[in-house]
N, C-alpha and C. Protein backbone atom coordinates (compact mmCIF):
# COMPACT_ATOMS: atom_id res chain seq x y z
N MET A 1 0.81 -1.36 -0.28
CA MET A 1 0.10 -0.05 -0.21
C MET A 1 0.84 1.23 0.12
N ILE A 2 0.75 2.42 -0.94
CA ILE A 2 1.36 3.53 -0.81
C ILE A 2 0.82 3.79 -0.51
N GLY A 3 1.12 5.00 0.92
CA GLY A 3 0.41 6.15 1.44
C GLY A 3 0.86 7.89 1.23
N LYS A 4 2.18 7.55 0.10
CA LYS A 4 2.83 8.91 0.27
C LYS A 4 3.91 8.62 -1.09
N LEU A 5 4.07 9.64 -1.93
CA LEU A 5 4.83 9.69 -2.52
C LEU A 5 6.01 11.31 -2.71
N LYS A 6 7.18 10.98 -2.40
CA LYS A 6 7.91 11.89 -2.59
C LYS A 6 8.93 11.98 -3.71
N GLY A 7 9.18 13.25 -4.61
CA GLY A 7 9.88 12.59 -6.21
C GLY A 7 9.60 13.96 -6.82
N THR A 8 10.17 13.82 -7.97
CA THR A 8 9.99 14.51 -8.83
C THR A 8 9.42 15.05 -10.13
N ILE A 9 8.23 16.11 -10.25
CA ILE A 9 7.72 16.10 -11.65
C ILE A 9 8.16 15.55 -12.99
N ASP A 10 7.78 14.67 -13.64
CA ASP A 10 8.32 13.95 -14.83
C ASP A 10 7.52 14.74 -15.72
N GLU A 11 6.53 14.68 -15.75
CA GLU A 11 5.35 15.09 -16.48
C GLU A 11 3.35 15.36 -15.84
N ILE A 12 2.77 16.57 -16.20
CA ILE A 12 1.75 16.53 -16.13
C ILE A 12 0.38 16.49 -17.29
N GLY A 13 -0.02 15.74 -16.83
CA GLY A 13 -0.92 15.27 -18.12
C GLY A 13 -2.41 15.82 -17.67
N GLU A 14 -3.74 15.57 -18.24
CA GLU A 14 -4.93 16.23 -18.19
C GLU A 14 -5.82 15.93 -17.40
N ASP A 15 -5.33 14.57 -16.29
CA ASP A 15 -6.41 14.37 -15.57
C ASP A 15 -5.13 13.74 -14.46
N TYR A 16 -4.02 14.04 -14.42
CA TYR A 16 -2.75 12.84 -13.65
C TYR A 16 -1.71 13.62 -13.51
N VAL A 17 -0.52 13.57 -12.80
CA VAL A 17 0.83 13.62 -12.60
C VAL A 17 1.80 12.45 -12.69
N LEU A 18 2.68 12.47 -13.29
CA LEU A 18 3.59 11.41 -13.35
C LEU A 18 4.57 11.75 -12.75
N VAL A 19 5.25 11.05 -11.27
CA VAL A 19 5.81 11.28 -10.94
C VAL A 19 7.41 10.73 -10.39
N ASP A 20 8.58 11.38 -10.50
CA ASP A 20 9.26 10.32 -10.35
C ASP A 20 10.03 10.19 -9.61
N VAL A 21 10.06 8.73 -8.90
CA VAL A 21 10.59 8.55 -7.43
C VAL A 21 11.82 7.64 -7.71
N HIS A 22 13.45 8.28 -7.84
CA HIS A 22 14.20 7.24 -7.56
C HIS A 22 14.66 6.37 -9.11
N GLY A 23 14.03 7.05 -9.97
CA GLY A 23 13.93 6.26 -11.37
C GLY A 23 12.49 5.57 -11.96
N VAL A 24 11.95 5.51 -10.86
CA VAL A 24 10.64 4.37 -10.99
C VAL A 24 9.55 6.00 -11.01
N CYS A 25 8.87 5.59 -12.35
CA CYS A 25 7.52 6.85 -12.44
C CYS A 25 6.52 6.61 -12.24
N TYR A 26 5.67 6.94 -11.60
CA TYR A 26 3.74 6.33 -10.60
C TYR A 26 3.51 7.72 -11.17
N VAL A 27 2.50 7.15 -11.80
CA VAL A 27 0.73 7.99 -12.04
C VAL A 27 0.00 7.62 -11.61
N ALA A 28 -0.19 9.10 -10.66
CA ALA A 28 -1.47 9.66 -9.76
C ALA A 28 -2.00 10.34 -10.21
N TYR A 29 -3.76 10.11 -10.27
CA TYR A 29 -4.65 10.72 -10.82
C TYR A 29 -5.37 12.11 -9.84
N CYS A 30 -4.98 13.15 -10.32
CA CYS A 30 -5.19 14.20 -9.72
C CYS A 30 -6.79 14.81 -9.85
N SER A 31 -7.05 15.89 -8.35
CA SER A 31 -8.03 16.90 -8.97
C SER A 31 -7.59 18.15 -9.73
N ALA A 32 -8.41 18.71 -10.64
CA ALA A 32 -7.90 19.92 -11.23
C ALA A 32 -6.97 20.83 -10.08
N ARG A 33 -7.68 21.07 -9.03
CA ARG A 33 -6.91 21.93 -8.40
C ARG A 33 -6.06 21.18 -7.78
N THR A 34 -5.73 20.15 -7.35
CA THR A 34 -4.48 19.64 -6.94
C THR A 34 -3.35 19.88 -8.54
N LEU A 35 -3.68 19.69 -9.22
CA LEU A 35 -2.76 19.76 -10.86
C LEU A 35 -2.69 21.19 -11.17
N SER A 36 -3.15 22.16 -10.59
CA SER A 36 -3.11 23.69 -10.29
C SER A 36 -1.79 24.16 -10.12
N LYS A 37 -1.69 23.44 -8.40
CA LYS A 37 -1.04 23.95 -7.39
C LYS A 37 0.43 23.14 -7.52
N ILE A 38 0.78 21.93 -8.15
CA ILE A 38 1.39 20.85 -7.66
C ILE A 38 2.86 21.08 -8.36
N GLY A 39 3.08 21.81 -9.40
CA GLY A 39 4.08 22.49 -9.69
C GLY A 39 4.59 22.05 -11.48
N SER A 40 5.73 22.71 -11.61
CA SER A 40 6.04 22.09 -13.52
C SER A 40 6.97 20.58 -13.04
N ALA A 41 7.38 20.71 -14.30
CA ALA A 41 8.34 19.44 -14.66
C ALA A 41 9.28 18.95 -14.33
N GLY A 42 10.05 19.10 -13.37
CA GLY A 42 11.65 18.89 -13.08
C GLY A 42 11.52 19.37 -11.41
N GLU A 43 10.30 20.22 -11.12
CA GLU A 43 10.40 20.45 -9.81
C GLU A 43 9.96 19.24 -8.57
N ALA A 44 10.21 19.07 -7.45
CA ALA A 44 9.84 18.41 -6.45
C ALA A 44 7.89 18.78 -5.92
N CYS A 45 7.97 17.16 -5.38
CA CYS A 45 6.52 17.35 -5.14
C CYS A 45 6.33 16.06 -4.33
N VAL A 46 5.68 16.37 -3.18
CA VAL A 46 4.79 15.45 -2.22
C VAL A 46 3.27 14.94 -2.50
N LEU A 47 2.69 13.94 -2.89
CA LEU A 47 1.52 13.88 -3.00
C LEU A 47 0.62 12.68 -1.76
N PHE A 48 0.00 12.98 -1.19
CA PHE A 48 -0.56 11.66 -0.39
C PHE A 48 -1.09 11.08 -1.22
N ILE A 49 -1.63 9.83 -1.13
CA ILE A 49 -2.12 8.49 -2.01
C ILE A 49 -3.09 7.86 -1.75
N GLU A 50 -4.14 7.35 -2.40
CA GLU A 50 -4.81 6.77 -2.22
C GLU A 50 -4.52 5.50 -3.06
N THR A 51 -4.92 4.12 -2.92
CA THR A 51 -4.44 3.02 -3.93
C THR A 51 -5.22 2.16 -4.24
N TYR A 52 -5.72 2.31 -5.41
CA TYR A 52 -7.03 1.49 -5.44
C TYR A 52 -6.62 0.18 -6.54
N VAL A 53 -7.08 -1.32 -6.11
CA VAL A 53 -6.68 -2.40 -6.20
C VAL A 53 -8.14 -3.03 -7.14
N ARG A 54 -7.34 -2.90 -8.34
CA ARG A 54 -9.14 -3.77 -9.09
C ARG A 54 -8.39 -5.22 -9.80
N GLU A 55 -9.08 -5.76 -9.78
CA GLU A 55 -8.84 -7.36 -10.38
C GLU A 55 -8.02 -7.36 -12.06
N ASP A 56 -8.36 -6.37 -12.82
CA ASP A 56 -7.30 -5.48 -13.90
C ASP A 56 -6.54 -4.50 -13.72
N GLN A 57 -6.60 -3.88 -12.60
CA GLN A 57 -6.00 -2.81 -12.36
C GLN A 57 -5.51 -2.18 -11.32
N LEU A 58 -4.56 -1.48 -10.97
CA LEU A 58 -4.03 -0.81 -10.07
C LEU A 58 -3.91 0.64 -10.42
N LYS A 59 -4.91 2.09 -9.36
CA LYS A 59 -4.27 3.01 -9.99
C LYS A 59 -4.02 3.92 -8.47
N LEU A 60 -3.59 5.02 -8.40
CA LEU A 60 -3.00 5.80 -7.74
C LEU A 60 -3.58 7.19 -7.91
N PHE A 61 -4.21 7.55 -6.29
CA PHE A 61 -4.68 8.90 -6.54
C PHE A 61 -3.88 9.74 -5.86
N GLY A 62 -3.51 10.97 -6.15
CA GLY A 62 -2.72 12.00 -5.68
C GLY A 62 -3.46 12.74 -4.69
N PHE A 63 -3.06 13.90 -3.93
CA PHE A 63 -4.07 14.82 -3.17
C PHE A 63 -2.61 15.73 -2.51
N MET A 64 -2.45 16.72 -2.41
CA MET A 64 -1.95 17.90 -1.66
C MET A 64 -1.41 17.54 0.11
N THR A 65 -3.36 17.29 0.28
CA THR A 65 -3.26 17.29 1.79
C THR A 65 -4.05 15.95 2.21
N ALA A 66 -3.44 15.41 3.84
CA ALA A 66 -4.21 14.63 3.75
C ALA A 66 -5.38 14.36 4.15
N LEU A 67 -6.15 15.84 4.45
CA LEU A 67 -7.52 16.36 4.22
C LEU A 67 -8.36 15.67 2.89
N GLU A 68 -7.80 16.38 2.11
CA GLU A 68 -8.59 16.08 0.82
C GLU A 68 -8.37 14.93 0.68
N ARG A 69 -7.63 13.76 1.29
CA ARG A 69 -7.68 12.29 0.90
C ARG A 69 -8.68 11.82 1.74
N GLU A 70 -8.84 12.37 2.76
CA GLU A 70 -10.06 11.92 3.95
C GLU A 70 -11.46 12.33 2.73
N TRP A 71 -11.73 13.69 2.56
CA TRP A 71 -12.54 14.09 1.61
C TRP A 71 -13.09 12.76 0.06
N PHE A 72 -12.42 13.08 -0.53
CA PHE A 72 -12.12 12.20 -1.62
C PHE A 72 -12.81 10.33 -1.01
N ASN A 73 -12.40 10.14 -0.02
CA ASN A 73 -12.78 8.62 0.50
C ASN A 73 -14.45 8.71 1.13
N LEU A 74 -14.41 9.74 1.62
CA LEU A 74 -15.84 9.86 2.50
C LEU A 74 -16.82 10.38 0.93
N LEU A 75 -16.70 10.92 0.08
CA LEU A 75 -17.44 11.23 -1.35
C LEU A 75 -17.65 10.08 -1.37
N GLN A 76 -17.17 8.85 -1.35
CA GLN A 76 -17.12 7.99 -2.08
C GLN A 76 -18.30 6.86 -1.45
N SER A 77 -18.45 7.22 -0.08
CA SER A 77 -19.19 6.45 0.42
C SER A 77 -20.83 6.87 0.02
N VAL A 78 -21.12 7.87 -0.70
CA VAL A 78 -22.47 8.06 -1.19
C VAL A 78 -22.85 7.65 -2.22
N GLN A 79 -23.81 6.66 -2.30
CA GLN A 79 -24.35 6.04 -3.86
C GLN A 79 -24.16 6.70 -4.77
N GLY A 80 -23.15 6.06 -6.02
CA GLY A 80 -23.37 7.08 -7.03
C GLY A 80 -22.03 8.04 -7.05
N VAL A 81 -21.44 7.84 -6.06
CA VAL A 81 -19.98 8.75 -6.40
C VAL A 81 -19.49 7.71 -6.38
N GLY A 82 -18.31 7.81 -7.64
CA GLY A 82 -17.04 6.91 -7.44
C GLY A 82 -15.99 8.13 -7.45
N ALA A 83 -14.74 7.42 -7.98
CA ALA A 83 -13.72 8.46 -8.34
C ALA A 83 -13.57 9.79 -8.81
N LYS A 84 -14.22 9.20 -10.02
CA LYS A 84 -13.93 9.93 -11.03
C LYS A 84 -14.75 11.42 -10.53
N VAL A 85 -16.17 11.15 -10.03
CA VAL A 85 -17.25 12.27 -9.64
C VAL A 85 -16.40 12.76 -7.99
N ALA A 86 -15.93 11.95 -7.35
CA ALA A 86 -15.54 12.84 -6.25
C ALA A 86 -13.97 13.84 -6.78
N LEU A 87 -13.50 13.35 -7.46
CA LEU A 87 -12.23 13.88 -7.84
C LEU A 87 -12.46 15.44 -8.77
N ALA A 88 -14.09 15.17 -9.35
CA ALA A 88 -14.73 16.75 -10.09
C ALA A 88 -15.16 17.78 -9.12
N VAL A 89 -15.32 16.83 -7.43
CA VAL A 89 -16.06 17.77 -6.64
C VAL A 89 -14.80 18.59 -6.13
N LEU A 90 -13.67 17.52 -6.02
CA LEU A 90 -12.72 18.38 -5.63
C LEU A 90 -12.13 19.33 -6.06
N SER A 91 -12.47 19.06 -7.19
CA SER A 91 -11.98 20.04 -8.44
C SER A 91 -12.04 21.53 -8.43
N THR A 92 -13.64 21.35 -7.80
CA THR A 92 -14.65 22.55 -8.30
C THR A 92 -14.86 22.90 -6.53
N LEU A 93 -14.66 22.36 -5.10
CA LEU A 93 -14.75 22.77 -4.12
C LEU A 93 -13.40 22.37 -3.46
N THR A 94 -12.76 23.54 -2.32
CA THR A 94 -11.75 23.17 -1.53
C THR A 94 -12.64 22.44 -0.62
N PRO A 95 -11.59 21.90 0.42
CA PRO A 95 -12.22 21.13 1.84
C PRO A 95 -13.37 21.95 2.64
N GLY A 96 -12.75 22.83 2.83
CA GLY A 96 -13.33 24.05 3.09
C GLY A 96 -14.22 23.97 3.01
N GLU A 97 -14.47 24.74 1.69
CA GLU A 97 -16.07 25.25 0.76
C GLU A 97 -17.18 23.80 1.08
N LEU A 98 -16.21 22.39 0.39
CA LEU A 98 -17.29 21.19 0.73
C LEU A 98 -18.35 21.08 1.93
N ALA A 99 -17.02 21.27 3.01
CA ALA A 99 -17.51 21.28 4.28
C ALA A 99 -18.70 22.41 4.97
N ASN A 100 -18.55 23.34 4.18
CA ASN A 100 -19.45 24.25 4.78
C ASN A 100 -20.89 24.28 3.75
N ALA A 101 -20.61 23.88 2.33
CA ALA A 101 -22.21 23.25 1.83
C ALA A 101 -22.80 21.99 2.58
N ILE A 102 -21.86 21.36 2.85
CA ILE A 102 -22.25 20.29 3.73
C ILE A 102 -23.56 20.45 5.28
N ALA A 103 -22.49 21.27 5.27
CA ALA A 103 -23.44 22.35 6.80
C ALA A 103 -24.49 22.77 6.87
N LEU A 104 -24.38 23.58 5.40
CA LEU A 104 -25.46 25.03 5.29
C LEU A 104 -26.17 23.55 4.31
N GLN A 105 -25.99 22.90 4.08
CA GLN A 105 -27.23 21.99 3.03
C GLN A 105 -27.46 22.34 1.57
N ASP A 106 -26.29 23.25 1.15
CA ASP A 106 -26.00 23.94 0.08
C ASP A 106 -25.59 23.15 -1.25
N ARG A 107 -26.90 22.30 -2.00
CA ARG A 107 -27.03 21.66 -2.70
C ARG A 107 -25.99 22.26 -4.05
N ALA A 108 -26.94 23.16 -4.28
CA ALA A 108 -26.60 24.21 -5.26
C ALA A 108 -25.07 24.22 -5.57
N ALA A 109 -24.14 24.46 -4.34
CA ALA A 109 -22.79 25.09 -5.02
C ALA A 109 -21.92 23.21 -4.65
N VAL A 110 -22.44 22.04 -4.73
CA VAL A 110 -22.28 20.90 -4.57
C VAL A 110 -22.11 20.52 -6.36
N SER A 111 -23.15 20.48 -6.40
CA SER A 111 -24.00 20.25 -7.95
C SER A 111 -23.06 21.26 -9.10
N ARG A 112 -22.00 22.13 -8.91
CA ARG A 112 -21.74 22.78 -9.70
C ARG A 112 -20.28 21.94 -10.30
N ALA A 113 -20.31 21.12 -9.68
CA ALA A 113 -19.31 20.00 -10.14
C ALA A 113 -19.80 19.10 -11.21
N PRO A 114 -19.12 18.63 -12.23
CA PRO A 114 -18.84 18.04 -13.07
C PRO A 114 -19.59 16.27 -12.77
N GLY A 115 -20.94 16.01 -13.46
CA GLY A 115 -21.28 14.57 -12.93
C GLY A 115 -21.81 14.49 -12.28
N VAL A 116 -22.06 15.48 -11.21
CA VAL A 116 -23.48 15.79 -10.00
C VAL A 116 -24.62 16.40 -10.35
N GLY A 117 -25.45 15.68 -10.57
CA GLY A 117 -26.62 16.14 -10.66
C GLY A 117 -27.31 16.59 -9.36
N PRO A 118 -28.60 16.68 -9.44
CA PRO A 118 -29.47 17.31 -8.54
C PRO A 118 -29.56 16.46 -7.42
N LYS A 119 -30.20 14.89 -7.79
CA LYS A 119 -29.99 13.27 -6.73
C LYS A 119 -28.85 13.24 -5.91
N VAL A 120 -27.94 13.72 -6.76
CA VAL A 120 -26.52 13.07 -6.61
C VAL A 120 -25.74 14.44 -4.78
N ALA A 121 -26.48 15.53 -5.51
CA ALA A 121 -26.05 16.76 -4.54
C ALA A 121 -26.71 16.65 -3.38
N MET A 122 -28.28 16.40 -3.51
CA MET A 122 -29.34 16.00 -2.42
C MET A 122 -28.71 15.01 -1.01
N ARG A 123 -27.67 13.62 -1.96
CA ARG A 123 -27.54 12.84 -1.26
C ARG A 123 -26.49 13.43 -0.35
N LEU A 124 -25.39 13.43 -1.37
CA LEU A 124 -24.09 13.81 -0.55
C LEU A 124 -24.30 15.21 0.23
N VAL A 125 -24.96 16.09 0.20
CA VAL A 125 -25.38 17.10 1.26
C VAL A 125 -25.99 16.81 2.68
N THR A 126 -27.16 15.37 2.07
CA THR A 126 -27.77 14.88 3.29
C THR A 126 -26.97 13.72 4.17
N GLU A 127 -26.58 12.51 3.37
CA GLU A 127 -26.13 11.81 4.25
C GLU A 127 -24.36 11.91 4.74
N LEU A 128 -23.91 13.12 4.54
CA LEU A 128 -22.72 13.60 5.06
C LEU A 128 -22.92 14.72 5.91
N LYS A 129 -24.04 14.92 6.07
CA LYS A 129 -24.17 16.19 7.42
C LYS A 129 -23.79 15.77 8.55
N ASN A 130 -23.76 14.65 9.10
CA ASN A 130 -23.71 13.75 10.66
C ASN A 130 -22.72 12.98 10.37
N ARG A 131 -21.86 13.10 9.25
CA ARG A 131 -20.45 12.03 8.96
C ARG A 131 -19.33 13.20 9.01
N ALA A 132 -19.53 14.10 8.34
CA ALA A 132 -18.10 15.14 8.08
C ALA A 132 -17.23 15.92 9.47
N PRO A 133 -18.29 16.01 10.22
CA PRO A 133 -17.85 16.18 11.27
C PRO A 133 -16.54 16.22 11.52
N ALA A 134 -16.19 14.64 11.95
CA ALA A 134 -14.99 14.49 12.10
C ALA A 134 -13.74 14.89 12.08
N PHE A 135 -13.95 15.63 11.11
CA PHE A 135 -12.57 16.62 10.24
C PHE A 135 -12.87 18.02 9.47
N ALA A 136 -14.60 18.45 10.09
CA ALA A 136 -15.15 18.74 8.91
C ALA A 136 -14.60 20.58 9.34
N GLY A 137 -14.21 20.49 11.33
CA GLY A 137 -13.49 21.82 11.43
C GLY A 137 -13.16 22.42 11.07
N GLU A 138 -11.46 21.84 10.74
CA GLU A 138 -10.10 21.54 10.24
C GLU A 138 -10.56 22.90 8.92
N ALA A 139 -11.48 22.33 7.74
CA ALA A 139 -11.95 22.35 6.54
C ALA A 139 -12.22 23.95 7.13
N ILE A 140 -13.27 23.72 7.68
CA ILE A 140 -14.09 25.38 8.35
C ILE A 140 -13.15 26.55 8.11
N ASN A 141 -11.94 25.57 8.76
CA ASN A 141 -11.03 26.62 9.20
C ASN A 141 -10.41 27.27 8.09
N ILE A 142 -10.05 26.27 7.41
CA ILE A 142 -9.64 26.74 5.86
C ILE A 142 -10.30 27.36 5.01
N ALA A 143 -11.62 27.62 5.02
CA ALA A 143 -12.39 28.13 4.27
C ALA A 143 -12.83 29.86 5.30
N LEU A 144 -12.54 29.49 6.08
CA LEU A 144 -12.46 31.42 6.59
C LEU A 144 -11.36 31.93 6.22
N LYS A 145 -9.87 31.25 6.31
CA LYS A 145 -8.61 31.65 6.30
C LYS A 145 -9.21 31.99 4.65
N GLN A 146 -10.05 31.52 3.17
CA GLN A 146 -9.27 31.67 2.31
C GLN A 146 -10.33 32.97 1.99
N GLU A 147 -11.72 32.88 2.61
CA GLU A 147 -12.51 34.05 2.40
C GLU A 147 -12.07 35.34 2.71
N LEU A 148 -11.40 34.97 3.62
CA LEU A 148 -11.03 36.50 4.13
C LEU A 148 -9.49 36.63 3.84
N GLY A 149 -9.31 35.96 3.06
CA GLY A 149 -7.50 36.46 3.13
C GLY A 149 -6.46 36.38 4.10
N GLU A 150 -5.29 36.38 4.21
CA GLU A 150 -4.53 36.38 4.65
C GLU A 150 -4.77 37.64 5.96
N GLY A 151 -4.88 37.21 7.19
CA GLY A 151 -4.51 38.44 7.67
C GLY A 151 -6.20 39.76 7.89
N VAL A 152 -6.81 39.32 6.22
CA VAL A 152 -8.12 40.59 6.98
C VAL A 152 -9.29 40.25 7.76
N ALA A 153 -9.95 41.42 8.34
CA ALA A 153 -10.61 40.86 9.22
C ALA A 153 -10.60 39.71 10.01
N ALA A 154 -9.78 38.98 10.85
CA ALA A 154 -9.25 38.40 11.36
C ALA A 154 -10.19 38.07 12.63
N ALA A 155 -9.59 39.33 13.32
CA ALA A 155 -9.82 39.80 15.03
C ALA A 155 -11.96 39.52 15.06
N PRO A 156 -12.74 40.64 14.26
CA PRO A 156 -13.88 40.47 13.78
C PRO A 156 -14.72 39.06 13.87
N VAL A 157 -13.89 38.48 13.02
CA VAL A 157 -14.18 36.68 12.53
C VAL A 157 -14.01 35.72 14.04
N ALA A 158 -12.93 36.13 14.65
CA ALA A 158 -12.62 35.24 15.80
C ALA A 158 -13.59 35.84 16.67
N ASP A 159 -13.85 37.26 16.96
CA ASP A 159 -14.61 37.63 17.91
C ASP A 159 -16.38 36.67 17.82
N ALA A 160 -16.66 37.21 16.81
CA ALA A 160 -18.11 36.06 16.66
C ALA A 160 -17.56 34.99 16.58
N VAL A 161 -17.26 33.76 15.91
CA VAL A 161 -17.15 32.60 16.70
C VAL A 161 -17.13 32.18 17.90
N SER A 162 -16.41 33.46 18.64
CA SER A 162 -16.10 33.23 20.23
C SER A 162 -17.54 33.24 20.89
N ALA A 163 -18.11 34.64 20.52
CA ALA A 163 -19.48 34.64 20.70
C ALA A 163 -20.74 33.76 20.45
N LEU A 164 -20.73 33.33 19.74
CA LEU A 164 -21.76 32.18 19.92
C LEU A 164 -21.27 30.75 20.48
N THR A 165 -19.67 30.62 20.48
CA THR A 165 -19.78 29.71 21.59
C THR A 165 -19.85 29.69 22.47
N ASN A 166 -19.83 31.16 23.01
CA ASN A 166 -20.46 31.37 24.51
C ASN A 166 -22.02 31.17 25.00
N LEU A 167 -22.25 30.97 23.67
CA LEU A 167 -24.27 31.43 23.18
C LEU A 167 -24.18 29.55 23.87
N GLY A 168 -23.46 28.80 23.87
CA GLY A 168 -23.47 27.48 23.89
C GLY A 168 -23.76 26.16 22.12
N TYR A 169 -23.08 27.04 21.19
CA TYR A 169 -23.03 26.61 19.98
C TYR A 169 -21.49 25.45 19.82
N SER A 170 -21.63 24.81 19.45
CA SER A 170 -20.54 23.94 18.94
C SER A 170 -19.20 24.89 17.83
N ARG A 171 -17.89 24.77 18.49
CA ARG A 171 -17.07 25.71 17.28
C ARG A 171 -17.51 25.03 15.89
N ASP A 172 -17.81 24.14 15.63
CA ASP A 172 -18.17 23.91 14.26
C ASP A 172 -19.43 24.64 13.32
N GLN A 173 -20.41 24.12 14.92
CA GLN A 173 -21.57 25.19 14.54
C GLN A 173 -21.30 26.76 14.19
N ALA A 174 -21.26 27.17 14.83
CA ALA A 174 -20.35 28.79 14.94
C ALA A 174 -19.39 29.18 13.89
N ALA A 175 -18.87 28.13 13.22
CA ALA A 175 -17.56 28.73 12.44
C ALA A 175 -18.10 28.41 11.39
N ASN A 176 -19.43 27.39 11.04
CA ASN A 176 -20.34 27.26 9.74
C ASN A 176 -20.83 28.46 9.55
N ALA A 177 -21.85 28.99 10.63
CA ALA A 177 -22.91 29.77 10.91
C ALA A 177 -21.86 31.22 10.43
N ILE A 178 -20.93 31.27 10.68
CA ILE A 178 -20.21 33.07 10.74
C ILE A 178 -19.26 32.87 9.12
N ALA A 179 -19.28 31.48 8.47
CA ALA A 179 -18.87 31.56 7.31
C ALA A 179 -20.18 31.64 6.64
N ALA A 180 -21.32 31.32 6.84
CA ALA A 180 -22.10 31.61 6.49
C ALA A 180 -22.36 33.29 6.00
N ALA A 181 -22.13 33.84 6.93
CA ALA A 181 -22.83 35.54 7.38
C ALA A 181 -21.58 36.07 6.53
N MET A 182 -20.34 36.09 6.36
CA MET A 182 -19.72 35.99 5.97
C MET A 182 -19.78 36.24 4.17
N LYS A 183 -20.66 35.34 3.84
CA LYS A 183 -20.92 35.46 2.29
C LYS A 183 -21.72 36.46 2.28
N THR A 184 -22.55 36.94 3.17
CA THR A 184 -23.67 37.74 2.62
C THR A 184 -22.98 38.97 2.93
N ALA A 185 -22.30 39.66 4.65
CA ALA A 185 -22.02 40.84 4.97
C ALA A 185 -20.24 41.18 4.05
N GLY A 186 -19.59 40.28 3.63
CA GLY A 186 -18.56 40.93 3.37
C GLY A 186 -17.57 41.02 3.94
N GLU A 187 -16.35 40.63 3.77
CA GLU A 187 -15.17 41.29 4.24
C GLU A 187 -15.15 42.03 5.52
N GLY A 188 -15.74 43.22 4.79
CA GLY A 188 -15.53 44.26 6.12
C GLY A 188 -16.17 44.23 6.84
N ALA A 189 -17.32 43.32 7.30
CA ALA A 189 -18.31 43.54 8.25
C ALA A 189 -17.39 43.43 9.59
N ASP A 190 -18.33 44.39 10.96
CA ASP A 190 -17.85 44.02 12.31
C ASP A 190 -18.40 42.88 12.84
N SER A 191 -17.69 42.41 14.32
CA SER A 191 -18.09 41.36 14.98
C SER A 191 -19.73 41.62 15.05
N ALA A 192 -20.41 42.48 15.38
CA ALA A 192 -21.64 42.72 15.96
C ALA A 192 -22.63 41.94 14.63
N LYS A 193 -22.18 42.77 13.43
CA LYS A 193 -23.15 42.64 12.13
C LYS A 193 -22.99 40.71 12.12
N LEU A 194 -21.60 40.17 12.04
CA LEU A 194 -21.31 38.62 12.18
C LEU A 194 -22.30 38.20 12.84
N ILE A 195 -22.43 38.57 13.95
CA ILE A 195 -23.20 37.60 14.65
C ILE A 195 -24.68 37.59 15.10
N ARG A 196 -25.21 38.64 14.44
CA ARG A 196 -26.06 38.97 14.12
C ARG A 196 -26.75 37.82 12.86
N LEU A 197 -26.11 38.13 12.00
CA LEU A 197 -26.11 37.37 10.43
C LEU A 197 -25.78 35.66 11.29
N GLY A 198 -24.94 35.55 11.74
CA GLY A 198 -25.00 34.02 12.08
C GLY A 198 -26.01 33.39 13.21
N LEU A 199 -26.36 34.09 14.06
CA LEU A 199 -27.37 33.61 14.51
C LEU A 199 -28.84 33.21 13.77
N LYS A 200 -28.87 34.59 12.88
CA LYS A 200 -30.12 34.15 11.95
C LYS A 200 -30.22 32.87 11.31
N GLU A 201 -28.74 32.38 10.77
CA GLU A 201 -28.21 31.23 10.33
C GLU A 201 -28.53 30.19 10.96
N LEU A 202 -28.21 29.99 12.04
CA LEU A 202 -28.54 29.05 12.88
C LEU A 202 -29.78 28.75 13.38
N GLY A 203 -30.22 29.66 13.44
CA GLY A 203 -32.05 29.74 13.37
C GLY A 203 -33.24 29.50 12.32
N ARG A 204 -32.49 28.58 11.19
CA ARG A 204 -33.26 28.53 9.96
C ARG A 204 -33.35 26.93 10.41
């Protein structure tokens, strides 16, 4: 079982990267997002690997983070979602955005991924709602950082999340609510506005 590849990029294809590890080249299928960030031919790379073994083939799927690999596996636990669709979802949504979409039951966000129709999107957000929290908290933190930008309005967001947790909500619930509030209020919103909108989200 291969868990991680450390080597040099030999070639990047439409949906895969060829990684040279001490003269042995491995084909790893990746999401479009991973391929866009992995680098160029000749550069060093590290990929977390999920190995698929079938009767007639062996496939490696590569990910920039262990969290992305966890989502890849979790997505495929839903009926109608295979490796191809799971990669399409991860090409369209970051782990943080996916966690938010599931927490907010946002089928429209999930259905933006190629190959994900209304029925599959419904199953994804419904079936994963109670199974994703095991690692959704980290993903939501990533999403908040991505939406805010490095260091932008960090204090209001932290204060808003803290205020909601002081009211008895879990950290994940508070983070989900504030992430949704940020989409409505924008980056410049103060903590009072974020708290108000966050409570509105939690009351839905």
